[in-house]
PDB file of N, CA and C in Angstrom:
ATOM      1  N   MET A   1     117.643  88.293 131.035  1.00  0.00           N
ATOM      2  CA  MET A   1     117.059  87.782 129.495  1.00  0.00           C
ATOM      3  C   MET A   1     117.858  86.940 128.708  1.00  0.00           C
ATOM      4  N   CYS A   2     116.870  86.175 128.493  1.00  0.00           N
ATOM      5  CA  CYS A   2     118.474  85.466 127.721  1.00  0.00           C
ATOM      6  C   CYS A   2     118.776  85.191 126.459  1.00  0.00           C
ATOM      7  N   SER A   3     117.986  86.061 125.787  1.00  0.00           N
ATOM      8  CA  SER A   3     118.471  86.092 123.879  1.00  0.00           C
ATOM      9  C   SER A   3     118.000  84.740 123.262  1.00  0.00           C
ATOM     10  N   ALA A   4     117.039  83.456 124.082  1.00  0.00           N
ATOM     11  CA  ALA A   4     116.768  82.349 123.212  1.00  0.00           C
ATOM     12  C   ALA A   4     115.247  83.110 121.996  1.00  0.00           C
ATOM     13  N   GLU A   5     115.455  82.074 121.100  1.00  0.00           N
ATOM     14  CA  GLU A   5     114.889  82.292 120.014  1.00  0.00           C
ATOM     15  C   GLU A   5     113.634  81.125 120.292  1.00  0.00           C
ATOM     16  N   THR A   6     112.037  81.711 120.324  1.00  0.00           N
ATOM     17  CA  THR A   6     111.358  80.258 120.187  1.00  0.00           C
ATOM     18  C   THR A   6     110.184  80.823 119.324  1.00  0.00           C
ATOM     19  N   PHE A   7     110.059  79.510 118.683  1.00  0.00           N
ATOM     20  CA  PHE A   7     109.614  79.389 116.869  1.00  0.00           C
ATOM     21  C   PHE A   7     107.907  78.443 117.752  1.00  0.00           C
ATOM     22  N   GLN A   8     107.144  79.210 116.862  1.00  0.00           N
ATOM     23  CA  GLN A   8     104.929  78.983 117.093  1.00  0.00           C
ATOM     24  C   GLN A   8     104.227  78.400 116.387  1.00  0.00           C
ATOM     25  N   PRO A   9     104.592  76.944 116.115  1.00  0.00           N
ATOM     26  CA  PRO A   9     103.918  77.059 114.568  1.00  0.00           C
ATOM     27  C   PRO A   9     102.355  77.189 114.992  1.00  0.00           C
ATOM     28  N   ILE A  10     101.888  77.771 114.565  1.00  0.00           N
ATOM     29  CA  ILE A  10     100.328  77.840 114.121  1.00  0.00           C
ATOM     30  C   ILE A  10      99.441  76.747 113.145  1.00  0.00           C
ATOM     31  N   SER A  11      98.638  75.986 113.878  1.00  0.00           N
ATOM     32  CA  SER A  11      98.072  75.207 112.512  1.00  0.00           C
ATOM     33  C   SER A  11      96.893  75.600 112.678  1.00  0.00           C
ATOM     34  N   GLY A  12      95.742  76.451 113.367  1.00  0.00           N
ATOM     35  CA  GLY A  12      94.870  77.206 113.330  1.00  0.00           C
ATOM     36  C   GLY A  12      94.257  78.285 112.436  1.00  0.00           C
ATOM     37  N   ARG A  13      92.804  78.736 112.622  1.00  0.00           N
ATOM     38  CA  ARG A  13      92.676  79.721 111.817  1.00  0.00           C
ATOM     39  C   ARG A  13      93.011  80.457 113.180  1.00  0.00           C
ATOM     40  N   SER A  14      93.331  81.151 114.259  1.00  0.00           N
ATOM     41  CA  SER A  14      93.572  81.966 115.161  1.00  0.00           C
ATOM     42  C   SER A  14      94.460  81.641 116.105  1.00  0.00           C
ATOM     43  N   PHE A  15      95.628  82.518 116.682  1.00  0.00           N
ATOM     44  CA  PHE A  15      96.419  82.051 117.844  1.00  0.00           C
ATOM     45  C   PHE A  15      96.652  83.066 118.658  1.00  0.00           C
ATOM     46  N   VAL A  16      97.537  82.732 119.865  1.00  0.00           N
ATOM     47  CA  VAL A  16      97.524  83.868 120.616  1.00  0.00           C
ATOM     48  C   VAL A  16      98.957  83.185 120.861  1.00  0.00           C
ATOM     49  N   PRO A  17      99.984  84.658 120.825  1.00  0.00           N
ATOM     50  CA  PRO A  17     101.668  84.669 120.940  1.00  0.00           C
ATOM     51  C   PRO A  17     101.812  84.136 122.477  1.00  0.00           C
ATOM     52  N   LEU A  18     102.294  82.995 122.477  1.00  0.00           N
ATOM     53  CA  LEU A  18     103.640  82.554 124.020  1.00  0.00           C
ATOM     54  C   LEU A  18     104.050  84.268 124.780  1.00  0.00           C
ATOM     55  N   VAL A  19     103.360  84.278 125.693  1.00  0.00           N
ATOM     56  CA  VAL A  19     103.993  85.199 126.907  1.00  0.00           C
ATOM     57  C   VAL A  19     105.296  84.804 127.179  1.00  0.00           C
ATOM     58  N   GLY A  20     105.289  83.606 128.083  1.00  0.00           N
ATOM     59  CA  GLY A  20     106.276  83.199 129.170  1.00  0.00           C
ATOM     60  C   GLY A  20     107.601  82.849 127.802  1.00  0.00           C
ATOM     61  N   CYS A  21     108.941  82.939 128.457  1.00  0.00           N
ATOM     62  CA  CYS A  21     110.171  82.129 127.650  1.00  0.00           C
ATOM     63  C   CYS A  21     109.746  80.810 128.284  1.00  0.00           C
ATOM     64  N   ILE A  22     110.737  79.937 127.281  1.00  0.00           N
ATOM     65  CA  ILE A  22     110.350  78.667 127.536  1.00  0.00           C
ATOM     66  C   ILE A  22     111.409  77.433 127.346  1.00  0.00           C
ATOM     67  N   SER A  23     112.474  78.803 127.265  1.00  0.00           N
ATOM     68  CA  SER A  23     114.076  78.380 126.827  1.00  0.00           C
ATOM     69  C   SER A  23     114.948  77.498 128.060  1.00  0.00           C
ATOM     70  N   ASP A  24     115.452  76.723 127.981  1.00  0.00           N
ATOM     71  CA  ASP A  24     116.166  76.044 129.406  1.00  0.00           C
ATOM     72  C   ASP A  24     116.634  76.932 130.503  1.00  0.00           C
ATOM     73  N   PHE A  25     117.249  77.944 129.883  1.00  0.00           N
ATOM     74  CA  PHE A  25     118.209  78.712 130.691  1.00  0.00           C
ATOM     75  C   PHE A  25     117.235  79.390 131.660  1.00  0.00           C
ATOM     76  N   CYS A  26     115.935  79.953 131.394  1.00  0.00           N
ATOM     77  CA  CYS A  26     114.728  80.443 131.887  1.00  0.00           C
ATOM     78  C   CYS A  26     114.056  79.503 132.605  1.00  0.00           C
ATOM     79  N   LYS A  27     114.337  78.571 132.356  1.00  0.00           N
ATOM     80  CA  LYS A  27     113.827  77.132 133.453  1.00  0.00           C
ATOM     81  C   LYS A  27     114.365  76.910 134.367  1.00  0.00           C
ATOM     82  N   SER A  28     115.639  76.807 134.182  1.00  0.00           N
ATOM     83  CA  SER A  28     116.748  76.370 135.192  1.00  0.00           C
ATOM     84  C   SER A  28     117.028  77.553 136.235  1.00  0.00           C
ATOM     85  N   ASN A  29     116.533  79.063 135.802  1.00  0.00           N
ATOM     86  CA  ASN A  29     117.233  79.527 136.358  1.00  0.00           C
ATOM     87  C   ASN A  29     115.776  80.018 137.115  1.00  0.00           C
ATOM     88  N   LYS A  30     114.734  80.063 136.869  1.00  0.00           N
ATOM     89  CA  LYS A  30     113.372  79.899 137.336  1.00  0.00           C
ATOM     90  C   LYS A  30     113.246  81.734 137.012  1.00  0.00           C
ATOM     91  N   THR A  31     113.075  82.421 135.931  1.00  0.00           N
ATOM     92  CA  THR A  31     112.473  83.753 135.650  1.00  0.00           C
ATOM     93  C   THR A  31     112.104  83.722 134.615  1.00  0.00           C
ATOM     94  N   GLY A  32     111.065  84.107 134.774  1.00  0.00           N
ATOM     95  CA  GLY A  32     109.675  84.556 133.373  1.00  0.00           C
ATOM     96  C   GLY A  32     109.924  84.987 132.736  1.00  0.00           C
ATOM     97  N   GLY A  33     111.255  85.024 131.789  1.00  0.00           N
ATOM     98  CA  GLY A  33     111.590  86.039 130.637  1.00  0.00           C
ATOM     99  C   GLY A  33     110.368  86.092 129.998  1.00  0.00           C
ATOM    100  N   ARG A  34     110.242  87.521 129.296  1.00  0.00           N
ATOM    101  CA  ARG A  34     108.707  88.144 128.654  1.00  0.00           C
ATOM    102  C   ARG A  34     108.942  88.055 126.951  1.00  0.00           C
ATOM    103  N   LEU A  35     108.226  87.344 126.282  1.00  0.00           N
ATOM    104  CA  LEU A  35     108.575  87.354 124.913  1.00  0.00           C
ATOM    105  C   LEU A  35     107.894  88.234 124.041  1.00  0.00           C
ATOM    106  N   GLN A  36     108.741  88.972 123.174  1.00  0.00           N
ATOM    107  CA  GLN A  36     107.858  90.156 122.456  1.00  0.00           C
ATOM    108  C   GLN A  36     107.842  89.285 120.860  1.00  0.00           C
ATOM    109  N   LEU A  37     106.957  89.304 120.375  1.00  0.00           N
ATOM    110  CA  LEU A  37     106.317  89.022 118.983  1.00  0.00           C
ATOM    111  C   LEU A  37     107.649  89.709 117.723  1.00  0.00           C
ATOM    112  N   GLN A  38     108.167  89.329 117.425  1.00  0.00           N
ATOM    113  CA  GLN A  38     109.530  89.823 116.162  1.00  0.00           C
ATOM    114  C   GLN A  38     108.815  89.635 114.725  1.00  0.00           C
ATOM    115  N   THR A  39     108.066  90.069 113.857  1.00  0.00           N
ATOM    116  CA  THR A  39     106.844  89.640 112.594  1.00  0.00           C
ATOM    117  C   THR A  39     108.242  89.406 111.731  1.00  0.00           C
ATOM    118  N   ARG A  40     109.796  90.299 111.753  1.00  0.00           N
ATOM    119  CA  ARG A  40     110.545  89.857 110.690  1.00  0.00           C
ATOM    120  C   ARG A  40     110.829  88.397 110.528  1.00  0.00           C
ATOM    121  N   GLY A  41     111.018  87.951 112.171  1.00  0.00           N
ATOM    122  CA  GLY A  41     110.753  86.341 111.632  1.00  0.00           C
ATOM    123  C   GLY A  41     109.741  85.451 111.774  1.00  0.00           C
ATOM    124  N   SER A  42     109.203  85.826 111.261  1.00  0.00           N
ATOM    125  CA  SER A  42     107.518  85.329 111.144  1.00  0.00           C
ATOM    126  C   SER A  42     107.013  84.728 109.389  1.00  0.00           C
ATOM    127  N   LYS A  43     106.594  83.948 109.450  1.00  0.00           N
ATOM    128  CA  LYS A  43     106.470  83.364 107.706  1.00  0.00           C
ATOM    129  C   LYS A  43     104.998  83.564 107.649  1.00  0.00           C
ATOM    130  N   PHE A  44     104.466  84.309 106.502  1.00  0.00           N
ATOM    131  CA  PHE A  44     102.819  84.492 106.400  1.00  0.00           C
ATOM    132  C   PHE A  44     102.542  83.930 105.291  1.00  0.00           C
ATOM    133  N   ARG A  45     101.568  83.022 105.526  1.00  0.00           N
ATOM    134  CA  ARG A  45     100.767  82.776 103.939  1.00  0.00           C
ATOM    135  C   ARG A  45      99.712  83.893 103.504  1.00  0.00           C
ATOM    136  N   LYS A  46      99.275  83.794 102.615  1.00  0.00           N
ATOM    137  CA  LYS A  46      98.410  84.792 101.972  1.00  0.00           C
ATOM    138  C   LYS A  46      97.257  84.242 101.798  1.00  0.00           C
ATOM    139  N   PHE A  47      95.876  84.860 102.594  1.00  0.00           N
ATOM    140  CA  PHE A  47      94.868  84.249 102.683  1.00  0.00           C
ATOM    141  C   PHE A  47      93.556  85.431 102.454  1.00  0.00           C
ATOM    142  N   GLN A  48      92.651  84.958 101.892  1.00  0.00           N
ATOM    143  CA  GLN A  48      91.178  85.815 101.337  1.00  0.00           C
ATOM    144  C   GLN A  48      90.060  84.935 101.515  1.00  0.00           C
ATOM    145  N   GLU A  49      89.344  85.905 102.220  1.00  0.00           N
ATOM    146  CA  GLU A  49      88.211  85.224 102.406  1.00  0.00           C
ATOM    147  C   GLU A  49      86.828  86.005 101.773  1.00  0.00           C
ATOM    148  N   LEU A  50      86.324  85.212 100.731  1.00  0.00           N
ATOM    149  CA  LEU A  50      85.888  86.180 100.359  1.00  0.00           C
ATOM    150  C   LEU A  50      84.409  85.431 100.600  1.00  0.00           C
ATOM    151  N   LYS A  51      83.111  86.538 100.089  1.00  0.00           N
ATOM    152  CA  LYS A  51      81.400  86.047 100.373  1.00  0.00           C
ATOM    153  C   LYS A  51      80.616  85.698  99.289  1.00  0.00           C
ATOM    154  N   ILE A  52      80.166  85.149  98.701  1.00  0.00           N
ATOM    155  CA  ILE A  52      79.846  85.327  97.614  1.00  0.00           C
ATOM    156  C   ILE A  52      78.141  84.851  97.502  1.00  0.00           C
ATOM    157  N   GLN A  53      76.762  85.586  96.681  1.00  0.00           N
ATOM    158  CA  GLN A  53      76.093  84.892  96.217  1.00  0.00           C
ATOM    159  C   GLN A  53      75.501  84.958  95.761  1.00  0.00           C
ATOM    160  N   GLU A  54      74.123  84.148  95.386  1.00  0.00           N
ATOM    161  CA  GLU A  54      73.746  84.182  93.104  1.00  0.00           C
ATOM    162  C   GLU A  54      73.194  85.852  93.072  1.00  0.00           C
ATOM    163  N   GLN A  55      73.461  85.225  91.623  1.00  0.00           N
ATOM    164  CA  GLN A  55      73.011  86.284  91.437  1.00  0.00           C
ATOM    165  C   GLN A  55      71.490  86.796  91.371  1.00  0.00           C
ATOM    166  N   THR A  56      70.872  88.249  91.117  1.00  0.00           N
ATOM    167  CA  THR A  56      69.852  88.627  91.538  1.00  0.00           C
ATOM    168  C   THR A  56      68.897  87.941  90.047  1.00  0.00           C
ATOM    169  N   VAL A  57      69.119  88.116  89.113  1.00  0.00           N
ATOM    170  CA  VAL A  57      68.470  87.073  88.366  1.00  0.00           C
ATOM    171  C   VAL A  57      68.122  86.292  88.473  1.00  0.00           C
ATOM    172  N   ASP A  58      69.149  84.958  88.808  1.00  0.00           N
ATOM    173  CA  ASP A  58      68.584  83.675  89.580  1.00  0.00           C
ATOM    174  C   ASP A  58      67.800  83.724  90.804  1.00  0.00           C
ATOM    175  N   VAL A  59      67.316  84.837  91.198  1.00  0.00           N
ATOM    176  CA  VAL A  59      66.943  84.440  92.553  1.00  0.00           C
ATOM    177  C   VAL A  59      64.947  84.767  92.157  1.00  0.00           C
ATOM    178  N   PRO A  60      64.320  84.141  92.308  1.00  0.00           N
ATOM    179  CA  PRO A  60      62.557  84.116  92.491  1.00  0.00           C
ATOM    180  C   PRO A  60      62.535  85.376  93.251  1.00  0.00           C
ATOM    181  N   ALA A  61      61.349  85.577  92.623  1.00  0.00           N
ATOM    182  CA  ALA A  61      60.870  86.943  93.372  1.00  0.00           C
ATOM    183  C   ALA A  61      60.756  86.816  94.859  1.00  0.00           C
ATOM    184  N   GLY A  62      60.853  88.036  95.917  1.00  0.00           N
ATOM    185  CA  GLY A  62      60.433  87.531  96.807  1.00  0.00           C
ATOM    186  C   GLY A  62      61.326  86.908  97.763  1.00  0.00           C
ATOM    187  N   HIS A  63      61.974  86.011  97.552  1.00  0.00           N
ATOM    188  CA  HIS A  63      63.345  85.010  98.160  1.00  0.00           C
ATOM    189  C   HIS A  63      64.739  85.610  98.110  1.00  0.00           C
ATOM    190  N   VAL A  64      65.686  85.639  99.209  1.00  0.00           N
ATOM    191  CA  VAL A  64      66.800  86.133  99.704  1.00  0.00           C
ATOM    192  C   VAL A  64      67.844  84.884  98.818  1.00  0.00           C
ATOM    193  N   PRO A  65      68.778  85.788  98.429  1.00  0.00           N
ATOM    194  CA  PRO A  65      69.669  85.587  97.858  1.00  0.00           C
ATOM    195  C   PRO A  65      70.826  84.085  98.422  1.00  0.00           C
ATOM    196  N   ARG A  66      70.972  83.039  98.108  1.00  0.00           N
ATOM    197  CA  ARG A  66      71.970  82.322  98.840  1.00  0.00           C
ATOM    198  C   ARG A  66      73.080  82.699  98.777  1.00  0.00           C
ATOM    199  N   ALA A  67      74.583  82.582  99.574  1.00  0.00           N
ATOM    200  CA  ALA A  67      75.647  82.999 100.196  1.00  0.00           C
ATOM    201  C   ALA A  67      76.564  81.612 100.814  1.00  0.00           C
ATOM    202  N   ILE A  68      77.709  81.855 100.451  1.00  0.00           N
ATOM    203  CA  ILE A  68      78.759  80.725 100.781  1.00  0.00           C
ATOM    204  C   ILE A  68      80.137  81.733 101.314  1.00  0.00           C
ATOM    205  N   THR A  69      80.528  81.334 101.810  1.00  0.00           N
ATOM    206  CA  THR A  69      81.998  81.624 102.572  1.00  0.00           C
ATOM    207  C   THR A  69      83.138  81.187 101.301  1.00  0.00           C
ATOM    208  N   ILE A  70      83.873  81.810 101.084  1.00  0.00           N
ATOM    209  CA  ILE A  70      84.974  80.908 100.196  1.00  0.00           C
ATOM    210  C   ILE A  70      86.391  81.317 100.607  1.00  0.00           C
ATOM    211  N   HIS A  71      87.226  80.325 101.444  1.00  0.00           N
ATOM    212  CA  HIS A  71      88.660  80.474 101.371  1.00  0.00           C
ATOM    213  C   HIS A  71      89.529  80.435 100.975  1.00  0.00           C
ATOM    214  N   CYS A  72      90.522  81.333  99.836  1.00  0.00           N
ATOM    215  CA  CYS A  72      91.658  81.023  99.301  1.00  0.00           C
ATOM    216  C   CYS A  72      92.989  81.510  99.688  1.00  0.00           C
ATOM    217  N   GLN A  73      93.884  80.855  99.784  1.00  0.00           N
ATOM    218  CA  GLN A  73      95.296  80.812 100.200  1.00  0.00           C
ATOM    219  C   GLN A  73      96.071  80.982  99.001  1.00  0.00           C
ATOM    220  N   GLY A  74      96.972  81.202  99.368  1.00  0.00           N
ATOM    221  CA  GLY A  74      98.250  81.601  98.133  1.00  0.00           C
ATOM    222  C   GLY A  74      98.356  81.916  96.778  1.00  0.00           C
ATOM    223  N   GLU A  75      98.361  81.458  95.943  1.00  0.00           N
ATOM    224  CA  GLU A  75      98.130  82.356  94.674  1.00  0.00           C
ATOM    225  C   GLU A  75      96.531  82.106  94.244  1.00  0.00           C
ATOM    226  N   ASN A  76      95.932  81.782  94.607  1.00  0.00           N
ATOM    227  CA  ASN A  76      94.609  81.965  94.631  1.00  0.00           C
ATOM    228  C   ASN A  76      93.720  83.452  95.147  1.00  0.00           C
ATOM    229  N   THR A  77      94.702  83.672  95.880  1.00  0.00           N
ATOM    230  CA  THR A  77      94.382  85.076  96.732  1.00  0.00           C
ATOM    231  C   THR A  77      94.382  86.592  95.837  1.00  0.00           C
ATOM    232  N   ARG A  78      93.011  87.961  96.016  1.00  0.00           N
ATOM    233  CA  ARG A  78      93.613  88.666  95.214  1.00  0.00           C
ATOM    234  C   ARG A  78      93.103  88.656  93.400  1.00  0.00           C
ATOM    235  N   LEU A  79      92.337  87.392  93.120  1.00  0.00           N
ATOM    236  CA  LEU A  79      92.081  87.197  91.701  1.00  0.00           C
ATOM    237  C   LEU A  79      90.605  87.580  91.397  1.00  0.00           C
ATOM    238  N   ALA A  80      89.769  87.919  92.534  1.00  0.00           N
ATOM    239  CA  ALA A  80      88.780  88.543  92.426  1.00  0.00           C
ATOM    240  C   ALA A  80      88.037  89.526  93.433  1.00  0.00           C
ATOM    241  N   ALA A  81      87.678  90.607  92.582  1.00  0.00           N
ATOM    242  CA  ALA A  81      87.466  91.978  93.685  1.00  0.00           C
ATOM    243  C   ALA A  81      85.279  91.641  93.924  1.00  0.00           C
ATOM    244  N   ALA A  82      85.412  92.719  94.660  1.00  0.00           N
ATOM    245  CA  ALA A  82      83.971  92.887  95.015  1.00  0.00           C
ATOM    246  C   ALA A  82      83.190  93.469  93.693  1.00  0.00           C
ATOM    247  N   GLY A  83      81.790  93.020  93.276  1.00  0.00           N
ATOM    248  CA  GLY A  83      80.841  92.681  91.916  1.00  0.00           C
ATOM    249  C   GLY A  83      81.265  91.830  90.779  1.00  0.00           C
ATOM    250  N   ASP A  84      82.725  91.446  91.387  1.00  0.00           N
ATOM    251  CA  ASP A  84      82.856  89.954  89.976  1.00  0.00           C
ATOM    252  C   ASP A  84      81.982  89.252  89.772  1.00  0.00           C
ATOM    253  N   HIS A  85      81.713  88.385  88.796  1.00  0.00           N
ATOM    254  CA  HIS A  85      81.243  87.159  88.739  1.00  0.00           C
ATOM    255  C   HIS A  85      81.966  86.503  88.769  1.00  0.00           C
ATOM    256  N   VAL A  86      81.945  85.339  89.400  1.00  0.00           N
ATOM    257  CA  VAL A  86      83.090  84.004  89.437  1.00  0.00           C
ATOM    258  C   VAL A  86      82.764  82.670  88.918  1.00  0.00           C
ATOM    259  N   ALA A  87      83.727  81.606  88.975  1.00  0.00           N
ATOM    260  CA  ALA A  87      82.982  80.348  88.779  1.00  0.00           C
ATOM    261  C   ALA A  87      84.362  80.027  89.903  1.00  0.00           C
ATOM    262  N   ILE A  88      83.453  78.884  91.076  1.00  0.00           N
ATOM    263  CA  ILE A  88      85.075  78.707  91.720  1.00  0.00           C
ATOM    264  C   ILE A  88      84.536  77.385  92.133  1.00  0.00           C
ATOM    265  N   THR A  89      85.712  76.429  91.852  1.00  0.00           N
ATOM    266  CA  THR A  89      85.680  75.194  92.006  1.00  0.00           C
ATOM    267  C   THR A  89      86.730  74.697  93.408  1.00  0.00           C
ATOM    268  N   GLY A  90      85.938  73.968  94.048  1.00  0.00           N
ATOM    269  CA  GLY A  90      86.950  73.543  95.503  1.00  0.00           C
ATOM    270  C   GLY A  90      85.808  72.587  96.041  1.00  0.00           C
ATOM    271  N   ILE A  91      86.207  72.498  97.576  1.00  0.00           N
ATOM    272  CA  ILE A  91      85.946  71.367  98.574  1.00  0.00           C
ATOM    273  C   ILE A  91      85.042  72.237  99.599  1.00  0.00           C
ATOM    274  N   PHE A  92      84.239  71.567  99.909  1.00  0.00           N
ATOM    275  CA  PHE A  92      83.094  71.710 101.249  1.00  0.00           C
ATOM    276  C   PHE A  92      83.691  71.021 102.271  1.00  0.00           C
ATOM    277  N   LEU A  93      83.459  72.177 103.462  1.00  0.00           N
ATOM    278  CA  LEU A  93      84.557  71.637 104.235  1.00  0.00           C
ATOM    279  C   LEU A  93      83.635  72.164 105.708  1.00  0.00           C
ATOM    280  N   PRO A  94      83.509  71.852 106.553  1.00  0.00           N
ATOM    281  CA  PRO A  94      82.885  71.899 108.312  1.00  0.00           C
ATOM    282  C   PRO A  94      83.530  73.196 108.761  1.00  0.00           C
ATOM    283  N   LEU A  95      82.904  74.374 109.660  1.00  0.00           N
ATOM    284  CA  LEU A  95      83.768  74.987 110.213  1.00  0.00           C
ATOM    285  C   LEU A  95      83.114  74.949 111.349  1.00  0.00           C
ATOM    286  N   SER A  96      84.081  74.585 112.703  1.00  0.00           N
ATOM    287  CA  SER A  96      83.106  75.451 113.967  1.00  0.00           C
ATOM    288  C   SER A  96      82.809  75.958 114.380  1.00  0.00           C
ATOM    289  N   LYS A  97      81.970  76.369 115.075  1.00  0.00           N
ATOM    290  CA  LYS A  97      81.406  77.995 115.600  1.00  0.00           C
ATOM    291  C   LYS A  97      82.180  78.326 116.477  1.00  0.00           C
ATOM    292  N   SER A  98      82.467  79.452 116.721  1.00  0.00           N
ATOM    293  CA  SER A  98      83.259  79.500 118.124  1.00  0.00           C
ATOM    294  C   SER A  98      83.349  79.511 119.114  1.00  0.00           C
ATOM    295  N   THR A  99      81.683  80.292 119.325  1.00  0.00           N
ATOM    296  CA  THR A  99      81.531  80.159 120.996  1.00  0.00           C
ATOM    297  C   THR A  99      79.889  79.176 120.939  1.00  0.00           C
ATOM    298  N   ALA A 100      80.187  79.158 121.953  1.00  0.00           N
ATOM    299  CA  ALA A 100      78.949  77.897 122.902  1.00  0.00           C
ATOM    300  C   ALA A 100      77.380  78.454 122.308  1.00  0.00           C
ATOM    301  N   PHE A 101      77.035  79.988 122.527  1.00  0.00           N
ATOM    302  CA  PHE A 101      76.165  80.576 122.702  1.00  0.00           C
ATOM    303  C   PHE A 101      75.776  80.490 121.134  1.00  0.00           C
ATOM    304  N   GLN A 102      76.622  80.712 120.166  1.00  0.00           N
ATOM    305  CA  GLN A 102      76.598  80.885 118.847  1.00  0.00           C
ATOM    306  C   GLN A 102      75.717  79.501 118.289  1.00  0.00           C
ATOM    307  N   GLN A 103      76.351  78.449 119.027  1.00  0.00           N
ATOM    308  CA  GLN A 103      76.406  77.471 118.797  1.00  0.00           C
ATOM    309  C   GLN A 103      74.629  76.978 119.254  1.00  0.00           C
ATOM    310  N   ILE A 104      74.052  77.064 120.276  1.00  0.00           N
ATOM    311  CA  ILE A 104      72.525  77.292 121.142  1.00  0.00           C
ATOM    312  C   ILE A 104      71.559  78.227 120.007  1.00  0.00           C
ATOM    313  N   ALA A 105      71.883  79.480 120.305  1.00  0.00           N
ATOM    314  CA  ALA A 105      71.145  79.869 119.426  1.00  0.00           C
ATOM    315  C   ALA A 105      71.049  79.608 117.611  1.00  0.00           C
ATOM    316  N   GLN A 106      72.257  79.383 117.148  1.00  0.00           N
ATOM    317  CA  GLN A 106      71.284  78.863 115.612  1.00  0.00           C
ATOM    318  C   GLN A 106      70.948  77.589 115.568  1.00  0.00           C
ATOM    319  N   GLY A 107      71.501  76.220 116.556  1.00  0.00           N
ATOM    320  CA  GLY A 107      71.347  75.290 116.568  1.00  0.00           C
ATOM    321  C   GLY A 107      72.238  74.551 115.630  1.00  0.00           C
ATOM    322  N   LEU A 108      73.071  74.944 114.562  1.00  0.00           N
ATOM    323  CA  LEU A 108      74.224  73.811 114.278  1.00  0.00           C
ATOM    324  C   LEU A 108      75.174  73.885 115.208  1.00  0.00           C
ATOM    325  N   LEU A 109      76.196  72.963 114.596  1.00  0.00           N
ATOM    326  CA  LEU A 109      77.304  72.920 115.474  1.00  0.00           C
ATOM    327  C   LEU A 109      78.513  73.696 114.373  1.00  0.00           C
ATOM    328  N   THR A 110      78.365  73.828 113.249  1.00  0.00           N
ATOM    329  CA  THR A 110      79.318  74.093 111.738  1.00  0.00           C
ATOM    330  C   THR A 110      79.025  74.956 110.971  1.00  0.00           C
ATOM    331  N   GLU A 111      79.216  75.524 110.405  1.00  0.00           N
ATOM    332  CA  GLU A 111      78.903  76.374 109.315  1.00  0.00           C
ATOM    333  C   GLU A 111      79.927  75.665 108.258  1.00  0.00           C
ATOM    334  N   THR A 112      79.667  76.091 106.634  1.00  0.00           N
ATOM    335  CA  THR A 112      79.985  75.407 105.828  1.00  0.00           C
ATOM    336  C   THR A 112      80.859  76.084 104.934  1.00  0.00           C
ATOM    337  N   TYR A 113      81.984  75.689 104.661  1.00  0.00           N
ATOM    338  CA  TYR A 113      82.667  77.225 103.636  1.00  0.00           C
ATOM    339  C   TYR A 113      83.284  76.170 102.628  1.00  0.00           C
ATOM    340  N   LEU A 114      83.676  77.035 101.239  1.00  0.00           N
ATOM    341  CA  LEU A 114      84.113  76.301 100.493  1.00  0.00           C
ATOM    342  C   LEU A 114      86.023  76.719 100.093  1.00  0.00           C
ATOM    343  N   GLU A 115      86.953  75.657 100.015  1.00  0.00           N
ATOM    344  CA  GLU A 115      87.795  75.759 100.069  1.00  0.00           C
ATOM    345  C   GLU A 115      88.509  75.781  98.103  1.00  0.00           C
ATOM    346  N   ALA A 116      89.196  77.101  98.354  1.00  0.00           N
ATOM    347  CA  ALA A 116      89.092  77.112  96.667  1.00  0.00           C
ATOM    348  C   ALA A 116      90.537  76.288  96.101  1.00  0.00           C
ATOM    349  N   GLN A 117      90.527  76.133  95.177  1.00  0.00           N
ATOM    350  CA  GLN A 117      91.402  75.239  94.252  1.00  0.00           C
ATOM    351  C   GLN A 117      91.633  75.746  92.966  1.00  0.00           C
ATOM    352  N   VAL A 118      93.113  75.216  92.794  1.00  0.00           N
ATOM    353  CA  VAL A 118      93.608  76.018  91.205  1.00  0.00           C
ATOM    354  C   VAL A 118      92.579  74.944  90.407  1.00  0.00           C
ATOM    355  N   SER A 119      91.809  75.615  89.118  1.00  0.00           N
ATOM    356  CA  SER A 119      91.721  74.740  88.018  1.00  0.00           C
ATOM    357  C   SER A 119      92.013  75.127  86.828  1.00  0.00           C
TER     358      SER A 119
END
């Protein structure tokens, strides 16, 4: 056990924690030290995913309301609750679908979501 700390920056929506130690000590001794995730030493950011849809009064009879996903980060989180009527400003962005099966079944390569902004 080398007692080295390893920091892993995360830039995507999900991550897989490192399993093996990458310190110089473990590399030189060829000992595959096992890493353990320490949440106390981690930095977490506030994140909330909202799914909003048109109000039923705005949808013509016999039609399905349109819906979109909203991503909120930082101080924009927890400002809306289920059932609230909201006005949101932001940027439309593409989000790659996670599996090839979904791409074939759906026909589209990306989904669209809205990144909420402070207004």
